[in-house]
Amino acid sequence: MNWSTVDRCGISPEIPYQGFAHGALSRADFYISRIRHPVRIAAFLSAIAPKLESIVAWNFDGDDEHPDFDKYITRWKAVNHLVKAFSLVREQGRRMTPNAGEAVGDVGGSGEDSGEDSGSEYTSHLEQVSSDSGNEG
């Protein structure tokens, strides 16, 4: 697959490939595929392979000698983490659907748990990874 096509596009609200999903695919190997936008790739993969649990890329003998190894391994690791997160969010959405419109208890909390990890550190890291716009050719 030419990932540059998916990587170039924003995340569409439309379902990719007219709703085609590969329900049995749990692992995918992408060898040394170069990507620029981990969030876009993860959203696409999550949509077409909803049971994907493991993504491997830039993880073969000799890959670490490539001059762009650090850049691309970091991006693909982000894709792997995001695909798992998107799967959890989808599951939460399915569980919420029967309760749509019902009031939920206090979701704001008392502020006592404000030290809880908000994910901002990870989000900041993803923004840095995606904004690295080196030559992909």
N, C-alpha and C. Protein backbone atom coordinates (compact mmCIF):
# COMPACT_ATOMS: atom_id res chain seq x y z
N MET A 1 0.85 -1.18 0.00
CA MET A 1 0.00 0.00 0.00
C MET A 1 0.89 1.24 0.00
N ASN A 2 0.50 2.24 -0.74
CA ASN A 2 1.22 3.50 -0.76
C ASN A 2 0.71 4.35 0.40
N TRP A 3 1.47 4.40 1.48
CA TRP A 3 1.05 5.12 2.69
C TRP A 3 1.01 6.62 2.49
N SER A 4 1.69 7.13 1.48
CA SER A 4 1.69 8.58 1.27
C SER A 4 0.29 9.08 0.96
N THR A 5 -0.55 8.26 0.34
CA THR A 5 -1.92 8.65 0.05
C THR A 5 -2.70 8.87 1.34
N VAL A 6 -2.60 7.95 2.27
CA VAL A 6 -3.29 8.06 3.55
C VAL A 6 -2.64 9.15 4.40
N ASP A 7 -1.33 9.20 4.37
CA ASP A 7 -0.56 10.13 5.20
C ASP A 7 -0.80 11.58 4.81
N ARG A 8 -1.11 11.83 3.55
CA ARG A 8 -1.32 13.18 3.04
C ARG A 8 -2.68 13.74 3.42
N CYS A 9 -3.65 12.90 3.58
CA CYS A 9 -5.02 13.34 3.82
C CYS A 9 -5.28 13.56 5.30
N GLY A 10 -6.21 14.47 5.57
CA GLY A 10 -6.66 14.63 6.95
C GLY A 10 -7.52 13.46 7.34
N ILE A 11 -7.88 13.39 8.60
CA ILE A 11 -8.75 12.31 9.06
C ILE A 11 -10.16 12.64 8.60
N SER A 12 -10.73 11.76 7.82
CA SER A 12 -12.06 11.97 7.27
C SER A 12 -13.13 11.47 8.23
N PRO A 13 -14.26 12.17 8.29
CA PRO A 13 -15.36 11.66 9.11
C PRO A 13 -16.05 10.48 8.43
N GLU A 14 -15.75 10.25 7.15
CA GLU A 14 -16.33 9.13 6.42
C GLU A 14 -15.59 7.84 6.78
N ILE A 15 -16.27 6.74 6.70
CA ILE A 15 -15.67 5.45 6.98
C ILE A 15 -14.83 5.03 5.78
N PRO A 16 -13.55 4.71 5.99
CA PRO A 16 -12.69 4.31 4.86
C PRO A 16 -13.21 3.06 4.16
N TYR A 17 -12.98 3.01 2.87
CA TYR A 17 -13.30 1.85 2.05
C TYR A 17 -14.74 1.38 2.24
N GLN A 18 -15.67 2.31 2.27
CA GLN A 18 -17.10 2.02 2.35
C GLN A 18 -17.43 1.04 3.48
N GLY A 19 -16.71 1.15 4.56
CA GLY A 19 -17.01 0.34 5.74
C GLY A 19 -16.31 -1.00 5.79
N PHE A 20 -15.46 -1.30 4.80
CA PHE A 20 -14.71 -2.55 4.85
C PHE A 20 -13.87 -2.57 6.11
N ALA A 21 -13.91 -3.69 6.81
CA ALA A 21 -13.04 -3.87 7.97
C ALA A 21 -12.53 -5.30 7.97
N HIS A 22 -11.29 -5.44 8.28
CA HIS A 22 -10.67 -6.76 8.38
C HIS A 22 -10.71 -7.17 9.84
N GLY A 23 -11.75 -7.87 10.23
CA GLY A 23 -11.99 -8.20 11.62
C GLY A 23 -11.03 -9.20 12.23
N ALA A 24 -10.29 -9.94 11.42
CA ALA A 24 -9.39 -10.96 11.97
C ALA A 24 -7.95 -10.48 12.11
N LEU A 25 -7.62 -9.37 11.48
CA LEU A 25 -6.24 -8.90 11.50
C LEU A 25 -5.87 -8.38 12.88
N SER A 26 -4.85 -8.99 13.50
CA SER A 26 -4.44 -8.56 14.83
C SER A 26 -3.00 -8.05 14.85
N ARG A 27 -2.23 -8.33 13.80
CA ARG A 27 -0.84 -7.87 13.74
C ARG A 27 -0.53 -7.44 12.31
N ALA A 28 0.22 -6.37 12.20
CA ALA A 28 0.61 -5.88 10.88
C ALA A 28 2.08 -5.47 10.91
N ASP A 29 2.82 -5.87 9.88
CA ASP A 29 4.23 -5.51 9.74
C ASP A 29 4.37 -4.55 8.56
N PHE A 30 5.03 -3.43 8.78
CA PHE A 30 5.17 -2.43 7.74
C PHE A 30 6.63 -2.20 7.34
N TYR A 31 7.49 -3.07 7.73
CA TYR A 31 8.91 -3.07 7.40
C TYR A 31 9.52 -1.68 7.60
N ILE A 32 9.91 -0.97 6.54
CA ILE A 32 10.53 0.34 6.71
C ILE A 32 9.69 1.44 6.04
N SER A 33 8.39 1.36 6.19
CA SER A 33 7.50 2.38 5.62
C SER A 33 7.75 3.71 6.29
N ARG A 34 7.80 4.75 5.48
CA ARG A 34 8.02 6.10 5.97
C ARG A 34 6.68 6.82 6.08
N ILE A 35 6.41 7.39 7.23
CA ILE A 35 5.17 8.12 7.43
C ILE A 35 5.47 9.47 8.07
N ARG A 36 4.57 10.43 7.88
CA ARG A 36 4.75 11.75 8.47
C ARG A 36 3.75 12.03 9.58
N HIS A 37 2.54 11.47 9.52
CA HIS A 37 1.47 11.82 10.44
C HIS A 37 0.93 10.58 11.16
N PRO A 38 1.50 10.24 12.30
CA PRO A 38 1.08 9.02 13.01
C PRO A 38 -0.42 8.99 13.35
N VAL A 39 -1.00 10.12 13.69
CA VAL A 39 -2.42 10.14 14.05
C VAL A 39 -3.29 9.75 12.86
N ARG A 40 -2.97 10.27 11.69
CA ARG A 40 -3.74 9.94 10.48
C ARG A 40 -3.63 8.46 10.13
N ILE A 41 -2.42 7.94 10.20
CA ILE A 41 -2.20 6.52 9.88
C ILE A 41 -2.93 5.66 10.90
N ALA A 42 -2.84 6.01 12.18
CA ALA A 42 -3.49 5.22 13.23
C ALA A 42 -5.01 5.25 13.07
N ALA A 43 -5.57 6.39 12.74
CA ALA A 43 -7.02 6.49 12.55
C ALA A 43 -7.47 5.60 11.39
N PHE A 44 -6.71 5.62 10.31
CA PHE A 44 -7.04 4.79 9.15
C PHE A 44 -6.95 3.31 9.50
N LEU A 45 -5.82 2.90 10.10
CA LEU A 45 -5.64 1.49 10.45
C LEU A 45 -6.69 1.02 11.45
N SER A 46 -7.01 1.86 12.41
CA SER A 46 -8.00 1.50 13.41
C SER A 46 -9.37 1.29 12.78
N ALA A 47 -9.67 2.09 11.76
CA ALA A 47 -10.97 1.97 11.09
C ALA A 47 -11.06 0.71 10.24
N ILE A 48 -9.98 0.34 9.54
CA ILE A 48 -10.07 -0.82 8.65
C ILE A 48 -9.66 -2.13 9.32
N ALA A 49 -9.01 -2.04 10.48
CA ALA A 49 -8.60 -3.25 11.22
C ALA A 49 -8.89 -3.03 12.70
N PRO A 50 -10.16 -3.08 13.08
CA PRO A 50 -10.56 -2.73 14.45
C PRO A 50 -10.00 -3.63 15.55
N LYS A 51 -9.49 -4.81 15.19
CA LYS A 51 -8.94 -5.70 16.21
C LYS A 51 -7.41 -5.75 16.18
N LEU A 52 -6.83 -4.78 15.50
CA LEU A 52 -5.37 -4.71 15.40
C LEU A 52 -4.77 -4.46 16.77
N GLU A 53 -3.87 -5.34 17.18
CA GLU A 53 -3.26 -5.25 18.51
C GLU A 53 -1.77 -4.93 18.45
N SER A 54 -1.13 -5.21 17.33
CA SER A 54 0.31 -5.04 17.26
C SER A 54 0.72 -4.54 15.88
N ILE A 55 1.53 -3.49 15.89
CA ILE A 55 2.07 -2.94 14.66
C ILE A 55 3.59 -2.96 14.78
N VAL A 56 4.23 -3.50 13.77
CA VAL A 56 5.69 -3.59 13.77
C VAL A 56 6.19 -2.85 12.53
N ALA A 57 7.16 -1.98 12.74
CA ALA A 57 7.81 -1.29 11.63
C ALA A 57 9.19 -0.85 12.10
N TRP A 58 10.10 -0.81 11.18
CA TRP A 58 11.47 -0.39 11.48
C TRP A 58 12.03 -1.19 12.65
N ASN A 59 11.79 -2.48 12.64
CA ASN A 59 12.18 -3.32 13.76
C ASN A 59 12.87 -4.60 13.28
N PHE A 60 13.65 -4.47 12.24
CA PHE A 60 14.31 -5.63 11.67
C PHE A 60 15.83 -5.44 11.71
N ASP A 61 16.58 -6.50 11.60
CA ASP A 61 18.04 -6.41 11.63
C ASP A 61 18.55 -5.40 10.61
N GLY A 62 19.37 -4.49 11.08
CA GLY A 62 19.97 -3.51 10.21
C GLY A 62 19.19 -2.22 10.05
N ASP A 63 17.91 -2.21 10.41
CA ASP A 63 17.10 -0.99 10.28
C ASP A 63 17.67 0.15 11.11
N ASP A 64 18.24 -0.18 12.27
CA ASP A 64 18.74 0.87 13.16
C ASP A 64 19.96 1.58 12.59
N GLU A 65 20.51 1.07 11.49
CA GLU A 65 21.64 1.73 10.84
C GLU A 65 21.18 2.77 9.82
N HIS A 66 19.90 2.77 9.50
CA HIS A 66 19.34 3.74 8.55
C HIS A 66 19.40 5.13 9.18
N PRO A 67 19.76 6.17 8.42
CA PRO A 67 19.89 7.51 9.01
C PRO A 67 18.59 8.08 9.60
N ASP A 68 17.44 7.61 9.14
CA ASP A 68 16.16 8.11 9.65
C ASP A 68 15.48 7.15 10.62
N PHE A 69 16.24 6.17 11.10
CA PHE A 69 15.67 5.15 11.98
C PHE A 69 14.92 5.75 13.17
N ASP A 70 15.55 6.64 13.92
CA ASP A 70 14.93 7.19 15.13
C ASP A 70 13.62 7.90 14.82
N LYS A 71 13.61 8.66 13.73
CA LYS A 71 12.42 9.41 13.36
C LYS A 71 11.25 8.46 13.07
N TYR A 72 11.48 7.46 12.24
CA TYR A 72 10.38 6.59 11.81
C TYR A 72 9.98 5.56 12.85
N ILE A 73 10.92 5.04 13.62
CA ILE A 73 10.54 4.10 14.68
C ILE A 73 9.67 4.80 15.71
N THR A 74 9.98 6.06 16.01
CA THR A 74 9.18 6.84 16.96
C THR A 74 7.77 7.04 16.42
N ARG A 75 7.65 7.37 15.15
CA ARG A 75 6.33 7.59 14.56
C ARG A 75 5.50 6.31 14.55
N TRP A 76 6.12 5.19 14.18
CA TRP A 76 5.36 3.94 14.15
C TRP A 76 4.99 3.46 15.55
N LYS A 77 5.84 3.72 16.53
CA LYS A 77 5.47 3.37 17.91
C LYS A 77 4.26 4.20 18.34
N ALA A 78 4.22 5.46 17.93
CA ALA A 78 3.05 6.29 18.23
C ALA A 78 1.80 5.71 17.57
N VAL A 79 1.92 5.25 16.33
CA VAL A 79 0.79 4.63 15.64
C VAL A 79 0.30 3.42 16.43
N ASN A 80 1.23 2.59 16.87
CA ASN A 80 0.87 1.40 17.63
C ASN A 80 0.07 1.76 18.89
N HIS A 81 0.54 2.76 19.63
CA HIS A 81 -0.16 3.19 20.86
C HIS A 81 -1.52 3.80 20.54
N LEU A 82 -1.59 4.59 19.49
CA LEU A 82 -2.84 5.25 19.14
C LEU A 82 -3.90 4.26 18.67
N VAL A 83 -3.50 3.26 17.90
CA VAL A 83 -4.46 2.26 17.43
C VAL A 83 -5.10 1.57 18.63
N LYS A 84 -4.32 1.25 19.63
CA LYS A 84 -4.86 0.64 20.85
C LYS A 84 -5.81 1.59 21.56
N ALA A 85 -5.43 2.87 21.64
CA ALA A 85 -6.29 3.86 22.29
C ALA A 85 -7.59 4.05 21.52
N PHE A 86 -7.52 4.11 20.20
CA PHE A 86 -8.73 4.28 19.40
C PHE A 86 -9.68 3.10 19.59
N SER A 87 -9.12 1.91 19.72
CA SER A 87 -9.94 0.72 19.96
C SER A 87 -10.70 0.85 21.28
N LEU A 88 -10.02 1.31 22.31
CA LEU A 88 -10.67 1.50 23.61
C LEU A 88 -11.77 2.57 23.54
N VAL A 89 -11.50 3.64 22.84
CA VAL A 89 -12.49 4.71 22.70
C VAL A 89 -13.72 4.20 21.94
N ARG A 90 -13.49 3.41 20.88
CA ARG A 90 -14.61 2.82 20.14
C ARG A 90 -15.47 1.95 21.05
N GLU A 91 -14.80 1.14 21.88
CA GLU A 91 -15.53 0.26 22.80
C GLU A 91 -16.33 1.09 23.81
N GLN A 92 -15.75 2.16 24.30
CA GLN A 92 -16.48 3.04 25.22
C GLN A 92 -17.71 3.62 24.53
N GLY A 93 -17.55 4.02 23.30
CA GLY A 93 -18.67 4.57 22.53
C GLY A 93 -19.79 3.55 22.36
N ARG A 94 -19.43 2.31 22.09
CA ARG A 94 -20.45 1.26 21.95
C ARG A 94 -21.19 1.06 23.27
N ARG A 95 -20.48 1.11 24.35
CA ARG A 95 -21.12 0.92 25.66
C ARG A 95 -21.99 2.10 26.07
N MET A 96 -21.66 3.29 25.59
CA MET A 96 -22.43 4.49 25.94
C MET A 96 -23.70 4.62 25.11
N THR A 97 -23.73 4.07 23.93
CA THR A 97 -24.84 4.25 23.02
C THR A 97 -26.19 3.88 23.63
N PRO A 98 -26.34 2.75 24.32
CA PRO A 98 -27.65 2.45 24.91
C PRO A 98 -28.07 3.48 25.97
N ASN A 99 -27.11 4.20 26.53
CA ASN A 99 -27.41 5.15 27.58
C ASN A 99 -27.42 6.59 27.07
N ALA A 100 -27.43 6.77 25.77
CA ALA A 100 -27.37 8.13 25.22
C ALA A 100 -28.51 8.97 25.76
N GLY A 101 -28.19 10.16 26.20
CA GLY A 101 -29.20 11.09 26.69
C GLY A 101 -29.47 10.98 28.17
N GLU A 102 -29.03 9.92 28.80
CA GLU A 102 -29.24 9.78 30.25
C GLU A 102 -28.21 10.63 30.98
N ALA A 103 -28.62 11.16 32.11
CA ALA A 103 -27.70 11.96 32.92
C ALA A 103 -26.66 11.05 33.55
N VAL A 104 -25.47 11.56 33.63
CA VAL A 104 -24.37 10.84 34.26
C VAL A 104 -24.01 11.60 35.51
N GLY A 105 -23.52 10.93 36.52
CA GLY A 105 -23.13 11.58 37.76
C GLY A 105 -22.10 12.67 37.52
N ASP A 106 -21.59 13.22 38.57
CA ASP A 106 -20.61 14.30 38.50
C ASP A 106 -19.36 13.81 37.80
N VAL A 107 -19.11 14.32 36.59
CA VAL A 107 -17.92 13.91 35.86
C VAL A 107 -16.79 14.88 36.05
N GLY A 108 -17.06 16.01 36.69
CA GLY A 108 -16.02 17.01 36.90
C GLY A 108 -15.12 16.66 38.06
N GLY A 109 -15.61 15.91 39.01
CA GLY A 109 -14.81 15.53 40.16
C GLY A 109 -14.64 16.69 41.12
N SER A 110 -14.02 16.43 42.22
CA SER A 110 -13.85 17.44 43.25
C SER A 110 -12.54 18.19 43.11
N GLY A 111 -11.73 17.79 42.15
CA GLY A 111 -10.44 18.44 41.98
C GLY A 111 -9.35 17.75 42.77
N GLU A 112 -9.71 16.81 43.62
CA GLU A 112 -8.71 16.12 44.43
C GLU A 112 -7.77 15.28 43.57
N ASP A 113 -8.27 14.81 42.45
CA ASP A 113 -7.45 13.97 41.58
C ASP A 113 -6.82 14.79 40.46
N SER A 114 -6.70 16.10 40.65
CA SER A 114 -6.22 16.94 39.57
C SER A 114 -4.78 16.63 39.18
N GLY A 115 -4.05 15.91 40.00
CA GLY A 115 -2.69 15.53 39.65
C GLY A 115 -2.65 14.34 38.73
N GLU A 116 -3.81 13.81 38.41
CA GLU A 116 -3.91 12.65 37.55
C GLU A 116 -3.32 12.96 36.17
N ASP A 117 -2.73 11.97 35.55
CA ASP A 117 -2.11 12.15 34.25
C ASP A 117 -3.17 12.52 33.22
N SER A 118 -3.02 13.69 32.62
CA SER A 118 -3.98 14.15 31.63
C SER A 118 -3.62 13.70 30.23
N GLY A 119 -2.44 13.15 30.06
CA GLY A 119 -2.00 12.74 28.75
C GLY A 119 -1.35 13.87 27.98
N SER A 120 -1.24 15.05 28.59
CA SER A 120 -0.70 16.19 27.87
C SER A 120 0.76 15.97 27.46
N GLU A 121 1.51 15.26 28.26
CA GLU A 121 2.90 14.99 27.91
C GLU A 121 2.96 14.14 26.65
N TYR A 122 2.11 13.12 26.55
CA TYR A 122 2.09 12.24 25.39
C TYR A 122 1.58 13.01 24.16
N THR A 123 0.53 13.83 24.36
CA THR A 123 -0.01 14.62 23.27
C THR A 123 1.05 15.57 22.73
N SER A 124 1.78 16.21 23.61
CA SER A 124 2.85 17.11 23.20
C SER A 124 3.90 16.36 22.39
N HIS A 125 4.23 15.14 22.82
CA HIS A 125 5.20 14.32 22.11
C HIS A 125 4.69 13.99 20.71
N LEU A 126 3.40 13.64 20.59
CA LEU A 126 2.84 13.31 19.29
C LEU A 126 2.87 14.51 18.35
N GLU A 127 2.57 15.69 18.90
CA GLU A 127 2.61 16.89 18.07
C GLU A 127 4.02 17.11 17.54
N GLN A 128 5.03 16.87 18.38
CA GLN A 128 6.41 17.03 17.95
C GLN A 128 6.74 16.02 16.86
N VAL A 129 6.33 14.77 17.05
CA VAL A 129 6.61 13.72 16.08
C VAL A 129 5.96 14.04 14.75
N SER A 130 4.70 14.52 14.77
CA SER A 130 3.99 14.81 13.54
C SER A 130 4.50 16.05 12.84
N SER A 131 5.04 17.00 13.61
CA SER A 131 5.47 18.25 13.01
C SER A 131 6.86 18.16 12.40
N ASP A 132 7.58 17.09 12.70
CA ASP A 132 8.90 16.89 12.10
C ASP A 132 8.70 16.63 10.62
N SER A 133 8.98 17.61 9.81
CA SER A 133 8.63 17.49 8.39
C SER A 133 9.85 17.33 7.50
N GLY A 134 10.70 16.41 7.87
CA GLY A 134 11.88 16.15 7.03
C GLY A 134 11.48 15.61 5.69
N ASN A 135 12.41 15.55 4.78
CA ASN A 135 12.16 15.03 3.45
C ASN A 135 11.83 13.55 3.54
N GLU A 136 10.69 13.16 3.03
CA GLU A 136 10.22 11.78 3.12
C GLU A 136 10.60 10.96 1.89
N GLY A 137 11.19 11.56 0.92
CA GLY A 137 11.43 10.90 -0.36
C GLY A 137 12.51 9.94 -0.29
